[in-house]
Amino acid sequence: MMKILVLNQNYIGDVIFTLPAIKSLKKGYPTASIDAVVGGSAIEVLKMNPWIHSALPRPKGANEKRELLRQIRARNYDICLSFSSKSLELALFSFLSGCKRRFGFFNPATFAFYNYKIKENLEDHCVWDYLKLSIAAGGRKSTIIPEVFLSVEEIDRAEELVNELTKGAKGPIFGILLGGSTPFKRWHLPTLNELLNVLKANGNVFLFGGTEFKELGRTLEQENIHNLAGRLSLRESIALLKFCTVFIGQDSGLTHISASLGVPTLGIYTATDPKRTAPLGKKVSVLYKPISCSPCWNKRKCKELMCLKTISAKEIIGETEKLMREENG
């Protein structure tokens, strides 16, 4: 049986964008066993995925990395793909894997470790780069919309939580992501407060985020606004997204998952470029008002964070209403 190793990335959003490429590999090699090495909590995104045989956590310690490499070599993979164009570590894993067919992106620092290379097209969405790499390795054409899978039990538990929070009340549920991994993927607080005042008058609001946003969520919590930041696991958050009427978030993992689930999703973009990393789904809208330094991709040392202030609550509300009208036909 053919064995394929995918060396994936650490951030949830990045991993989401590789899912169509992994599906493409499975279409090209229907009987193959596909394993994925993935970092951090992003491994949770791969659970229940029918195209992946096993997901291997990418460790941080030197001893654990050596053990992972030992496991990789023992499995005798036929094909290895690295979905990171910049990671020297993943390039080394590929080279030392013992695999003869190694696919990766051209980069002066890493290209020597691969024997099949393609160039990224930075003018297009990154999902196309991953798909091109998969097809070069023998994958088949696939939809570019990622797919995330949930169990019936996960959805049932989420429904119970929805009923508990809303007390069974009917009406819209607005999901709000309080922020992402960098200061550029957060809110201008006056804009957020203005937005919440409108949304809470029209339905229930669920505040999503990691533990670092728990305190912010607490300060925002009031009638019809429910702080879930730091309370839920990633899988619990994903299941709860399915019950949102609209989800509003920055260029971050949950926003991309929401779009992939078919939830009407509004992406708020500031320091990153939606041309490269827009949410992918059938019901997606994006707000992006670049300023002179946009997109800086979090590389600019900026105290004012002016890009957070370019999009008004009025504009967000307008796009939210548009998504709801389109959903209701």
C-alpha atoms as a PDB file:
ATOM      1  CA  MET A   1       0.000   0.000   0.000  1.00  0.00           C
ATOM      2  CA  MET A   2       1.219   3.488  -0.911  1.00  0.00           C
ATOM      3  CA  LYS A   3       2.226   5.598   2.094  1.00  0.00           C
ATOM      4  CA  ILE A   4       2.180   9.397   1.940  1.00  0.00           C
ATOM      5  CA  LEU A   5       3.520  11.834   4.540  1.00  0.00           C
ATOM      6  CA  VAL A   6       2.274  15.415   4.722  1.00  0.00           C
ATOM      7  CA  LEU A   7       4.408  17.844   6.723  1.00  0.00           C
ATOM      8  CA  ASN A   8       1.935  20.514   7.708  1.00  0.00           C
ATOM      9  CA  GLN A   9       2.085  23.834   9.544  1.00  0.00           C
ATOM     10  CA  ASN A  10       1.389  25.095  13.052  1.00  0.00           C
ATOM     11  CA  TYR A  11      -1.395  27.644  12.703  1.00  0.00           C
ATOM     12  CA  ILE A  12      -5.002  26.545  12.413  1.00  0.00           C
ATOM     13  CA  GLY A  13      -5.805  28.775   9.447  1.00  0.00           C
ATOM     14  CA  ASP A  14      -2.756  27.572   7.510  1.00  0.00           C
ATOM     15  CA  VAL A  15      -3.724  23.946   8.102  1.00  0.00           C
ATOM     16  CA  ILE A  16      -7.310  24.627   7.013  1.00  0.00           C
ATOM     17  CA  PHE A  17      -6.047  25.896   3.652  1.00  0.00           C
ATOM     18  CA  THR A  18      -4.117  22.653   3.063  1.00  0.00           C
ATOM     19  CA  LEU A  19      -7.201  20.421   3.441  1.00  0.00           C
ATOM     20  CA  PRO A  20      -8.250  20.623  -0.239  1.00  0.00           C
ATOM     21  CA  ALA A  21      -4.728  19.509  -1.192  1.00  0.00           C
ATOM     22  CA  ILE A  22      -4.928  16.543   1.173  1.00  0.00           C
ATOM     23  CA  LYS A  23      -8.282  15.598  -0.350  1.00  0.00           C
ATOM     24  CA  SER A  24      -6.652  15.916  -3.765  1.00  0.00           C
ATOM     25  CA  LEU A  25      -3.958  13.445  -2.715  1.00  0.00           C
ATOM     26  CA  LYS A  26      -6.579  10.964  -1.549  1.00  0.00           C
ATOM     27  CA  LYS A  27      -8.417  11.287  -4.871  1.00  0.00           C
ATOM     28  CA  GLY A  28      -5.177  10.613  -6.712  1.00  0.00           C
ATOM     29  CA  TYR A  29      -4.229   7.697  -4.478  1.00  0.00           C
ATOM     30  CA  PRO A  30      -7.548   6.266  -3.187  1.00  0.00           C
ATOM     31  CA  THR A  31      -5.937   3.281  -1.448  1.00  0.00           C
ATOM     32  CA  ALA A  32      -2.995   5.197  -0.004  1.00  0.00           C
ATOM     33  CA  SER A  33      -2.434   5.752   3.701  1.00  0.00           C
ATOM     34  CA  ILE A  34      -1.898   9.480   4.364  1.00  0.00           C
ATOM     35  CA  ASP A  35      -0.291  10.639   7.611  1.00  0.00           C
ATOM     36  CA  ALA A  36       0.110  14.294   8.592  1.00  0.00           C
ATOM     37  CA  VAL A  37       2.593  15.944  10.929  1.00  0.00           C
ATOM     38  CA  VAL A  38       1.008  19.078  12.358  1.00  0.00           C
ATOM     39  CA  GLY A  39       1.891  21.505  15.134  1.00  0.00           C
ATOM     40  CA  GLY A  40       0.016  22.878  18.108  1.00  0.00           C
ATOM     41  CA  SER A  41      -3.744  22.795  18.474  1.00  0.00           C
ATOM     42  CA  ALA A  42      -4.116  22.652  14.687  1.00  0.00           C
ATOM     43  CA  ILE A  43      -4.017  18.872  15.020  1.00  0.00           C
ATOM     44  CA  GLU A  44      -7.611  19.115  16.298  1.00  0.00           C
ATOM     45  CA  VAL A  45      -8.721  20.284  12.847  1.00  0.00           C
ATOM     46  CA  LEU A  46      -7.736  16.905  11.378  1.00  0.00           C
ATOM     47  CA  LYS A  47      -9.848  14.794  13.721  1.00  0.00           C
ATOM     48  CA  MET A  48     -12.603  12.777  12.000  1.00  0.00           C
ATOM     49  CA  ASN A  49     -11.030  13.566   8.607  1.00  0.00           C
ATOM     50  CA  PRO A  50     -11.641  10.549   6.357  1.00  0.00           C
ATOM     51  CA  TRP A  51      -8.646  11.256   4.121  1.00  0.00           C
ATOM     52  CA  ILE A  52      -6.067  11.059   6.913  1.00  0.00           C
ATOM     53  CA  HIS A  53      -4.945   7.789   8.481  1.00  0.00           C
ATOM     54  CA  SER A  54      -3.150   9.394  11.427  1.00  0.00           C
ATOM     55  CA  ALA A  55      -2.118  12.847  12.619  1.00  0.00           C
ATOM     56  CA  LEU A  56       1.263  13.069  14.300  1.00  0.00           C
ATOM     57  CA  PRO A  57       1.911  16.012  16.656  1.00  0.00           C
ATOM     58  CA  ARG A  58       4.917  18.134  15.740  1.00  0.00           C
ATOM     59  CA  PRO A  59       6.962  18.342  18.952  1.00  0.00           C
ATOM     60  CA  LYS A  60       9.050  21.232  20.255  1.00  0.00           C
ATOM     61  CA  GLY A  61      11.804  19.461  22.202  1.00  0.00           C
ATOM     62  CA  ALA A  62      14.946  18.121  20.542  1.00  0.00           C
ATOM     63  CA  ASN A  63      14.553  14.604  21.934  1.00  0.00           C
ATOM     64  CA  GLU A  64      10.912  14.454  20.865  1.00  0.00           C
ATOM     65  CA  LYS A  65      11.858  15.635  17.370  1.00  0.00           C
ATOM     66  CA  ARG A  66      14.423  12.863  17.075  1.00  0.00           C
ATOM     67  CA  GLU A  67      11.783  10.343  18.144  1.00  0.00           C
ATOM     68  CA  LEU A  68       9.345  11.683  15.546  1.00  0.00           C
ATOM     69  CA  LEU A  69      12.001  11.366  12.855  1.00  0.00           C
ATOM     70  CA  ARG A  70      12.670   7.780  13.960  1.00  0.00           C
ATOM     71  CA  GLN A  71       8.957   7.010  13.599  1.00  0.00           C
ATOM     72  CA  ILE A  72       8.845   8.631  10.170  1.00  0.00           C
ATOM     73  CA  ARG A  73      11.819   6.643   8.888  1.00  0.00           C
ATOM     74  CA  ALA A  74      10.357   3.405  10.255  1.00  0.00           C
ATOM     75  CA  ARG A  75       7.147   3.882   8.250  1.00  0.00           C
ATOM     76  CA  ASN A  76       8.945   3.905   4.870  1.00  0.00           C
ATOM     77  CA  TYR A  77       6.863   6.570   3.144  1.00  0.00           C
ATOM     78  CA  ASP A  78       6.724   6.616  -0.653  1.00  0.00           C
ATOM     79  CA  ILE A  79       5.898  10.310  -1.048  1.00  0.00           C
ATOM     80  CA  CYS A  80       6.531  13.262   1.252  1.00  0.00           C
ATOM     81  CA  LEU A  81       5.079  16.763   0.837  1.00  0.00           C
ATOM     82  CA  SER A  82       5.944  19.838   2.890  1.00  0.00           C
ATOM     83  CA  PHE A  83       3.290  22.546   2.856  1.00  0.00           C
ATOM     84  CA  SER A  84       5.614  25.144   4.382  1.00  0.00           C
ATOM     85  CA  SER A  85       7.709  27.224   2.010  1.00  0.00           C
ATOM     86  CA  LYS A  86       9.822  28.690   4.824  1.00  0.00           C
ATOM     87  CA  SER A  87      10.375  26.001   7.454  1.00  0.00           C
ATOM     88  CA  LEU A  88      13.913  24.678   7.413  1.00  0.00           C
ATOM     89  CA  GLU A  89      12.920  22.153  10.060  1.00  0.00           C
ATOM     90  CA  LEU A  90      10.217  20.589   7.903  1.00  0.00           C
ATOM     91  CA  ALA A  91      12.567  20.580   4.920  1.00  0.00           C
ATOM     92  CA  LEU A  92      15.081  18.645   7.031  1.00  0.00           C
ATOM     93  CA  PHE A  93      12.374  16.225   8.178  1.00  0.00           C
ATOM     94  CA  SER A  94      11.552  15.609   4.529  1.00  0.00           C
ATOM     95  CA  PHE A  95      15.189  15.084   3.556  1.00  0.00           C
ATOM     96  CA  LEU A  96      15.911  12.765   6.487  1.00  0.00           C
ATOM     97  CA  SER A  97      12.656  10.836   6.157  1.00  0.00           C
ATOM     98  CA  GLY A  98      14.222   8.301   3.816  1.00  0.00           C
ATOM     99  CA  CYS A  99      11.517   9.088   1.263  1.00  0.00           C
ATOM    100  CA  LYS A 100      12.739   9.199  -2.343  1.00  0.00           C
ATOM    101  CA  ARG A 101       9.982  11.457  -3.710  1.00  0.00           C
ATOM    102  CA  ARG A 102      10.027  14.702  -1.745  1.00  0.00           C
ATOM    103  CA  PHE A 103       7.844  17.634  -2.821  1.00  0.00           C
ATOM    104  CA  GLY A 104       8.111  21.206  -1.565  1.00  0.00           C
ATOM    105  CA  PHE A 105       8.108  24.879  -2.506  1.00  0.00           C
ATOM    106  CA  PHE A 106      11.096  26.596  -4.025  1.00  0.00           C
ATOM    107  CA  ASN A 107      12.976  28.637  -1.431  1.00  0.00           C
ATOM    108  CA  PRO A 108      16.703  29.433  -1.543  1.00  0.00           C
ATOM    109  CA  ALA A 109      17.087  28.183   2.038  1.00  0.00           C
ATOM    110  CA  THR A 110      15.254  24.876   1.619  1.00  0.00           C
ATOM    111  CA  PHE A 111      15.021  23.868  -2.043  1.00  0.00           C
ATOM    112  CA  ALA A 112      18.039  21.532  -1.872  1.00  0.00           C
ATOM    113  CA  PHE A 113      16.141  19.212   0.486  1.00  0.00           C
ATOM    114  CA  TYR A 114      13.420  18.468  -2.082  1.00  0.00           C
ATOM    115  CA  ASN A 115      13.782  16.717  -5.419  1.00  0.00           C
ATOM    116  CA  TYR A 116      10.459  18.066  -6.760  1.00  0.00           C
ATOM    117  CA  LYS A 117       9.815  21.788  -6.327  1.00  0.00           C
ATOM    118  CA  ILE A 118       7.244  24.347  -7.436  1.00  0.00           C
ATOM    119  CA  LYS A 119       7.104  28.110  -7.014  1.00  0.00           C
ATOM    120  CA  GLU A 120       4.423  29.833  -4.989  1.00  0.00           C
ATOM    121  CA  ASN A 121       2.240  32.406  -6.705  1.00  0.00           C
ATOM    122  CA  LEU A 122       2.030  35.206  -4.156  1.00  0.00           C
ATOM    123  CA  GLU A 123      -0.573  36.994  -6.283  1.00  0.00           C
ATOM    124  CA  ASP A 124      -3.147  34.255  -5.734  1.00  0.00           C
ATOM    125  CA  HIS A 125      -4.779  32.537  -2.776  1.00  0.00           C
ATOM    126  CA  CYS A 126      -2.393  30.177  -0.992  1.00  0.00           C
ATOM    127  CA  VAL A 127      -4.881  27.280  -1.346  1.00  0.00           C
ATOM    128  CA  TRP A 128      -3.921  27.089  -5.033  1.00  0.00           C
ATOM    129  CA  ASP A 129      -0.240  26.646  -4.150  1.00  0.00           C
ATOM    130  CA  TYR A 130      -1.037  23.685  -1.907  1.00  0.00           C
ATOM    131  CA  LEU A 131      -3.262  22.169  -4.578  1.00  0.00           C
ATOM    132  CA  LYS A 132      -0.586  22.592  -7.247  1.00  0.00           C
ATOM    133  CA  LEU A 133       1.926  20.837  -4.994  1.00  0.00           C
ATOM    134  CA  SER A 134      -0.520  17.982  -4.432  1.00  0.00           C
ATOM    135  CA  ILE A 135      -1.236  17.609  -8.139  1.00  0.00           C
ATOM    136  CA  ALA A 136       2.494  17.624  -8.891  1.00  0.00           C
ATOM    137  CA  ALA A 137       2.756  14.663  -6.509  1.00  0.00           C
ATOM    138  CA  GLY A 138      -0.042  12.786  -8.275  1.00  0.00           C
ATOM    139  CA  GLY A 139      -3.152  14.253  -6.692  1.00  0.00           C
ATOM    140  CA  ARG A 140      -6.358  14.985  -8.594  1.00  0.00           C
ATOM    141  CA  LYS A 141      -8.205  18.265  -9.037  1.00  0.00           C
ATOM    142  CA  SER A 142     -10.404  19.111  -6.057  1.00  0.00           C
ATOM    143  CA  THR A 143     -12.687  21.854  -4.770  1.00  0.00           C
ATOM    144  CA  ILE A 144     -10.855  24.681  -3.037  1.00  0.00           C
ATOM    145  CA  ILE A 145     -13.347  24.857  -0.156  1.00  0.00           C
ATOM    146  CA  PRO A 146     -11.889  23.123   2.918  1.00  0.00           C
ATOM    147  CA  GLU A 147     -13.922  20.542   4.822  1.00  0.00           C
ATOM    148  CA  VAL A 148     -13.885  20.075   8.597  1.00  0.00           C
ATOM    149  CA  PHE A 149     -15.663  17.093  10.115  1.00  0.00           C
ATOM    150  CA  LEU A 150     -17.618  16.746  13.363  1.00  0.00           C
ATOM    151  CA  SER A 151     -19.222  13.811  15.108  1.00  0.00           C
ATOM    152  CA  VAL A 152     -22.945  13.646  15.855  1.00  0.00           C
ATOM    153  CA  GLU A 153     -22.075  13.700  19.570  1.00  0.00           C
ATOM    154  CA  GLU A 154     -20.086  16.922  19.209  1.00  0.00           C
ATOM    155  CA  ILE A 155     -22.973  18.614  17.408  1.00  0.00           C
ATOM    156  CA  ASP A 156     -25.496  17.374  19.978  1.00  0.00           C
ATOM    157  CA  ARG A 157     -23.422  18.757  22.865  1.00  0.00           C
ATOM    158  CA  ALA A 158     -23.117  22.094  21.076  1.00  0.00           C
ATOM    159  CA  GLU A 159     -26.898  22.231  20.622  1.00  0.00           C
ATOM    160  CA  GLU A 160     -27.361  21.630  24.342  1.00  0.00           C
ATOM    161  CA  LEU A 161     -25.021  24.548  25.095  1.00  0.00           C
ATOM    162  CA  VAL A 162     -26.873  26.803  22.658  1.00  0.00           C
ATOM    163  CA  ASN A 163     -30.179  26.055  24.387  1.00  0.00           C
ATOM    164  CA  GLU A 164     -28.591  26.664  27.782  1.00  0.00           C
ATOM    165  CA  LEU A 165     -27.138  30.035  26.779  1.00  0.00           C
ATOM    166  CA  THR A 166     -30.124  31.348  24.847  1.00  0.00           C
ATOM    167  CA  LYS A 167     -32.701  29.752  27.170  1.00  0.00           C
ATOM    168  CA  GLY A 168     -34.347  28.362  24.062  1.00  0.00           C
ATOM    169  CA  ALA A 169     -35.036  31.809  22.619  1.00  0.00           C
ATOM    170  CA  LYS A 170     -35.458  32.044  18.856  1.00  0.00           C
ATOM    171  CA  GLY A 171     -33.601  34.576  16.773  1.00  0.00           C
ATOM    172  CA  PRO A 172     -30.165  35.140  15.280  1.00  0.00           C
ATOM    173  CA  ILE A 173     -26.953  34.025  16.955  1.00  0.00           C
ATOM    174  CA  PHE A 174     -23.982  36.203  16.123  1.00  0.00           C
ATOM    175  CA  GLY A 175     -20.530  34.705  16.616  1.00  0.00           C
ATOM    176  CA  ILE A 176     -17.731  37.187  17.302  1.00  0.00           C
ATOM    177  CA  LEU A 177     -14.056  36.261  17.404  1.00  0.00           C
ATOM    178  CA  LEU A 178     -12.350  38.467  19.984  1.00  0.00           C
ATOM    179  CA  GLY A 179      -8.975  38.190  18.331  1.00  0.00           C
ATOM    180  CA  GLY A 180      -6.236  36.154  16.759  1.00  0.00           C
ATOM    181  CA  SER A 181      -2.587  35.422  17.336  1.00  0.00           C
ATOM    182  CA  THR A 182      -1.194  38.940  16.869  1.00  0.00           C
ATOM    183  CA  PRO A 183      -2.246  42.492  17.872  1.00  0.00           C
ATOM    184  CA  PHE A 184      -3.085  43.155  14.209  1.00  0.00           C
ATOM    185  CA  LYS A 185      -5.785  40.487  14.361  1.00  0.00           C
ATOM    186  CA  ARG A 186      -7.811  42.073  17.137  1.00  0.00           C
ATOM    187  CA  TRP A 187     -10.443  44.749  17.565  1.00  0.00           C
ATOM    188  CA  HIS A 188     -10.437  48.488  17.890  1.00  0.00           C
ATOM    189  CA  LEU A 189     -12.457  48.381  21.119  1.00  0.00           C
ATOM    190  CA  PRO A 190     -14.759  51.360  20.397  1.00  0.00           C
ATOM    191  CA  THR A 191     -15.724  49.635  17.115  1.00  0.00           C
ATOM    192  CA  LEU A 192     -16.355  46.340  18.904  1.00  0.00           C
ATOM    193  CA  ASN A 193     -18.493  47.974  21.593  1.00  0.00           C
ATOM    194  CA  GLU A 194     -20.582  49.808  19.007  1.00  0.00           C
ATOM    195  CA  LEU A 195     -21.046  46.583  17.057  1.00  0.00           C
ATOM    196  CA  LEU A 196     -22.076  44.586  20.124  1.00  0.00           C
ATOM    197  CA  ASN A 197     -24.656  47.183  21.135  1.00  0.00           C
ATOM    198  CA  VAL A 198     -26.421  46.701  17.795  1.00  0.00           C
ATOM    199  CA  LEU A 199     -26.114  42.906  17.661  1.00  0.00           C
ATOM    200  CA  LYS A 200     -27.353  42.241  21.204  1.00  0.00           C
ATOM    201  CA  ALA A 201     -30.543  44.147  20.422  1.00  0.00           C
ATOM    202  CA  ASN A 202     -31.252  41.770  17.549  1.00  0.00           C
ATOM    203  CA  GLY A 203     -30.249  38.388  18.935  1.00  0.00           C
ATOM    204  CA  ASN A 204     -27.733  36.535  21.058  1.00  0.00           C
ATOM    205  CA  VAL A 205     -23.990  37.098  20.727  1.00  0.00           C
ATOM    206  CA  PHE A 206     -21.394  34.393  21.389  1.00  0.00           C
ATOM    207  CA  LEU A 207     -17.874  35.675  22.076  1.00  0.00           C
ATOM    208  CA  PHE A 208     -15.173  33.228  20.929  1.00  0.00           C
ATOM    209  CA  GLY A 209     -11.461  33.262  21.681  1.00  0.00           C
ATOM    210  CA  GLY A 210      -8.605  31.603  23.501  1.00  0.00           C
ATOM    211  CA  THR A 211      -7.730  31.945  27.170  1.00  0.00           C
ATOM    212  CA  GLU A 212      -5.894  35.203  26.481  1.00  0.00           C
ATOM    213  CA  PHE A 213      -9.259  36.802  25.639  1.00  0.00           C
ATOM    214  CA  LYS A 214     -11.143  35.466  28.657  1.00  0.00           C
ATOM    215  CA  GLU A 215     -10.820  38.686  30.646  1.00  0.00           C
ATOM    216  CA  LEU A 216     -11.765  40.898  27.708  1.00  0.00           C
ATOM    217  CA  GLY A 217     -14.824  38.735  27.137  1.00  0.00           C
ATOM    218  CA  ARG A 218     -15.754  39.059  30.802  1.00  0.00           C
ATOM    219  CA  THR A 219     -15.788  42.853  30.544  1.00  0.00           C
ATOM    220  CA  LEU A 220     -18.074  42.668  27.507  1.00  0.00           C
ATOM    221  CA  GLU A 221     -20.528  40.116  28.888  1.00  0.00           C
ATOM    222  CA  GLN A 222     -24.061  41.352  29.528  1.00  0.00           C
ATOM    223  CA  GLU A 223     -27.606  40.413  28.621  1.00  0.00           C
ATOM    224  CA  ASN A 224     -27.606  38.519  25.300  1.00  0.00           C
ATOM    225  CA  ILE A 225     -23.786  38.614  25.142  1.00  0.00           C
ATOM    226  CA  HIS A 226     -22.185  35.360  26.252  1.00  0.00           C
ATOM    227  CA  ASN A 227     -18.460  35.102  26.929  1.00  0.00           C
ATOM    228  CA  LEU A 228     -17.116  31.734  25.768  1.00  0.00           C
ATOM    229  CA  ALA A 229     -13.484  32.834  25.426  1.00  0.00           C
ATOM    230  CA  GLY A 230     -11.224  30.388  27.223  1.00  0.00           C
ATOM    231  CA  ARG A 231     -14.161  28.157  28.179  1.00  0.00           C
ATOM    232  CA  LEU A 232     -14.287  25.816  25.199  1.00  0.00           C
ATOM    233  CA  SER A 233     -11.902  23.432  23.516  1.00  0.00           C
ATOM    234  CA  LEU A 234     -11.215  24.000  19.819  1.00  0.00           C
ATOM    235  CA  ARG A 235     -13.489  21.096  18.874  1.00  0.00           C
ATOM    236  CA  GLU A 236     -16.287  22.481  21.077  1.00  0.00           C
ATOM    237  CA  SER A 237     -15.885  25.892  19.444  1.00  0.00           C
ATOM    238  CA  ILE A 238     -16.028  24.365  15.965  1.00  0.00           C
ATOM    239  CA  ALA A 239     -19.258  22.527  16.790  1.00  0.00           C
ATOM    240  CA  LEU A 240     -20.807  25.695  18.217  1.00  0.00           C
ATOM    241  CA  LEU A 241     -19.991  27.614  15.029  1.00  0.00           C
ATOM    242  CA  LYS A 242     -22.546  25.507  13.175  1.00  0.00           C
ATOM    243  CA  PHE A 243     -25.318  27.190  15.181  1.00  0.00           C
ATOM    244  CA  CYS A 244     -24.243  30.759  14.373  1.00  0.00           C
ATOM    245  CA  THR A 245     -26.412  32.789  12.019  1.00  0.00           C
ATOM    246  CA  VAL A 246     -23.364  34.869  11.084  1.00  0.00           C
ATOM    247  CA  PHE A 247     -19.768  34.658  12.275  1.00  0.00           C
ATOM    248  CA  ILE A 248     -17.533  37.750  12.314  1.00  0.00           C
ATOM    249  CA  GLY A 249     -13.798  37.426  12.809  1.00  0.00           C
ATOM    250  CA  GLN A 250     -10.323  38.412  11.799  1.00  0.00           C
ATOM    251  CA  ASP A 251      -7.916  36.490   9.537  1.00  0.00           C
ATOM    252  CA  SER A 252      -7.699  33.653  12.041  1.00  0.00           C
ATOM    253  CA  GLY A 253      -8.385  29.955  12.433  1.00  0.00           C
ATOM    254  CA  LEU A 254     -12.004  30.025  13.630  1.00  0.00           C
ATOM    255  CA  THR A 255     -12.988  32.438  10.866  1.00  0.00           C
ATOM    256  CA  HIS A 256     -11.638  30.050   8.241  1.00  0.00           C
ATOM    257  CA  ILE A 257     -13.314  27.076   9.909  1.00  0.00           C
ATOM    258  CA  SER A 258     -16.630  28.946  10.043  1.00  0.00           C
ATOM    259  CA  ALA A 259     -16.453  29.621   6.300  1.00  0.00           C
ATOM    260  CA  SER A 260     -15.583  26.000   5.563  1.00  0.00           C
ATOM    261  CA  LEU A 261     -18.634  24.813   7.552  1.00  0.00           C
ATOM    262  CA  GLY A 262     -20.947  26.878   5.356  1.00  0.00           C
ATOM    263  CA  VAL A 263     -21.747  29.413   8.076  1.00  0.00           C
ATOM    264  CA  PRO A 264     -22.249  32.941   6.668  1.00  0.00           C
ATOM    265  CA  THR A 265     -18.879  34.455   7.550  1.00  0.00           C
ATOM    266  CA  LEU A 266     -17.534  38.002   7.529  1.00  0.00           C
ATOM    267  CA  GLY A 267     -13.751  38.322   7.527  1.00  0.00           C
ATOM    268  CA  ILE A 268     -12.238  41.538   8.924  1.00  0.00           C
ATOM    269  CA  TYR A 269      -8.808  42.130   7.357  1.00  0.00           C
ATOM    270  CA  THR A 270      -6.212  44.639   8.498  1.00  0.00           C
ATOM    271  CA  ALA A 271      -2.504  43.725   8.260  1.00  0.00           C
ATOM    272  CA  THR A 272      -2.961  40.671   6.049  1.00  0.00           C
ATOM    273  CA  ASP A 273      -4.181  40.436   2.470  1.00  0.00           C
ATOM    274  CA  PRO A 274      -7.447  38.637   1.647  1.00  0.00           C
ATOM    275  CA  LYS A 275      -6.106  38.041  -1.860  1.00  0.00           C
ATOM    276  CA  ARG A 276      -3.774  35.524  -0.222  1.00  0.00           C
ATOM    277  CA  THR A 277      -5.710  34.290   2.828  1.00  0.00           C
ATOM    278  CA  ALA A 278      -9.430  35.121   2.488  1.00  0.00           C
ATOM    279  CA  PRO A 279     -11.879  32.685   4.122  1.00  0.00           C
ATOM    280  CA  LEU A 280     -13.006  30.029   1.655  1.00  0.00           C
ATOM    281  CA  GLY A 281     -16.669  29.069   1.631  1.00  0.00           C
ATOM    282  CA  LYS A 282     -19.940  29.512  -0.204  1.00  0.00           C
ATOM    283  CA  LYS A 283     -21.217  32.263   2.110  1.00  0.00           C
ATOM    284  CA  VAL A 284     -18.287  34.597   2.685  1.00  0.00           C
ATOM    285  CA  SER A 285     -17.796  38.340   2.678  1.00  0.00           C
ATOM    286  CA  VAL A 286     -14.607  40.279   3.413  1.00  0.00           C
ATOM    287  CA  LEU A 287     -14.005  43.825   4.626  1.00  0.00           C
ATOM    288  CA  TYR A 288     -10.543  45.184   3.828  1.00  0.00           C
ATOM    289  CA  LYS A 289      -9.561  48.853   3.636  1.00  0.00           C
ATOM    290  CA  PRO A 290      -5.783  48.911   3.157  1.00  0.00           C
ATOM    291  CA  ILE A 291      -3.741  51.902   4.227  1.00  0.00           C
ATOM    292  CA  SER A 292      -0.286  52.923   3.007  1.00  0.00           C
ATOM    293  CA  CYS A 293       1.512  50.183   4.956  1.00  0.00           C
ATOM    294  CA  SER A 294      -0.986  47.382   4.240  1.00  0.00           C
ATOM    295  CA  PRO A 295      -0.506  44.507   4.140  1.00  0.00           C
ATOM    296  CA  CYS A 296       2.472  44.326   6.492  1.00  0.00           C
ATOM    297  CA  TRP A 297       1.869  40.702   7.570  1.00  0.00           C
ATOM    298  CA  ASN A 298       2.691  41.648  11.170  1.00  0.00           C
ATOM    299  CA  LYS A 299       6.244  42.644  10.208  1.00  0.00           C
ATOM    300  CA  ARG A 300       5.834  46.356  10.860  1.00  0.00           C
ATOM    301  CA  LYS A 301       6.590  47.752  14.328  1.00  0.00           C
ATOM    302  CA  CYS A 302       3.478  49.814  14.769  1.00  0.00           C
ATOM    303  CA  LYS A 303       2.212  51.347  18.018  1.00  0.00           C
ATOM    304  CA  GLU A 304      -0.880  53.019  16.635  1.00  0.00           C
ATOM    305  CA  LEU A 305      -2.346  49.964  14.835  1.00  0.00           C
ATOM    306  CA  MET A 306      -4.108  52.348  12.482  1.00  0.00           C
ATOM    307  CA  CYS A 307      -5.335  49.500  10.285  1.00  0.00           C
ATOM    308  CA  LEU A 308      -7.652  48.365  13.104  1.00  0.00           C
ATOM    309  CA  LYS A 309      -9.482  51.678  12.917  1.00  0.00           C
ATOM    310  CA  THR A 310     -10.209  51.752   9.184  1.00  0.00           C
ATOM    311  CA  ILE A 311     -13.340  49.589   9.284  1.00  0.00           C
ATOM    312  CA  SER A 312     -16.368  51.015  11.096  1.00  0.00           C
ATOM    313  CA  ALA A 313     -19.071  49.229  13.036  1.00  0.00           C
ATOM    314  CA  LYS A 314     -21.580  50.615  10.513  1.00  0.00           C
ATOM    315  CA  GLU A 315     -19.768  48.863   7.664  1.00  0.00           C
ATOM    316  CA  ILE A 316     -19.617  45.595   9.601  1.00  0.00           C
ATOM    317  CA  ILE A 317     -23.321  45.780  10.416  1.00  0.00           C
ATOM    318  CA  GLY A 318     -24.114  46.482   6.767  1.00  0.00           C
ATOM    319  CA  GLU A 319     -22.180  43.417   5.577  1.00  0.00           C
ATOM    320  CA  THR A 320     -23.723  41.287   8.332  1.00  0.00           C
ATOM    321  CA  GLU A 321     -27.227  42.290   7.252  1.00  0.00           C
ATOM    322  CA  LYS A 322     -26.326  41.518   3.645  1.00  0.00           C
ATOM    323  CA  LEU A 323     -25.123  38.023   4.569  1.00  0.00           C
ATOM    324  CA  MET A 324     -28.358  37.406   6.494  1.00  0.00           C
ATOM    325  CA  ARG A 325     -30.511  38.573   3.578  1.00  0.00           C
ATOM    326  CA  GLU A 326     -28.638  36.307   1.174  1.00  0.00           C
ATOM    327  CA  GLU A 327     -29.007  33.373   3.567  1.00  0.00           C
ATOM    328  CA  ASN A 328     -32.753  33.954   3.885  1.00  0.00           C
ATOM    329  CA  GLY A 329     -33.188  34.242   0.136  1.00  0.00           C
END
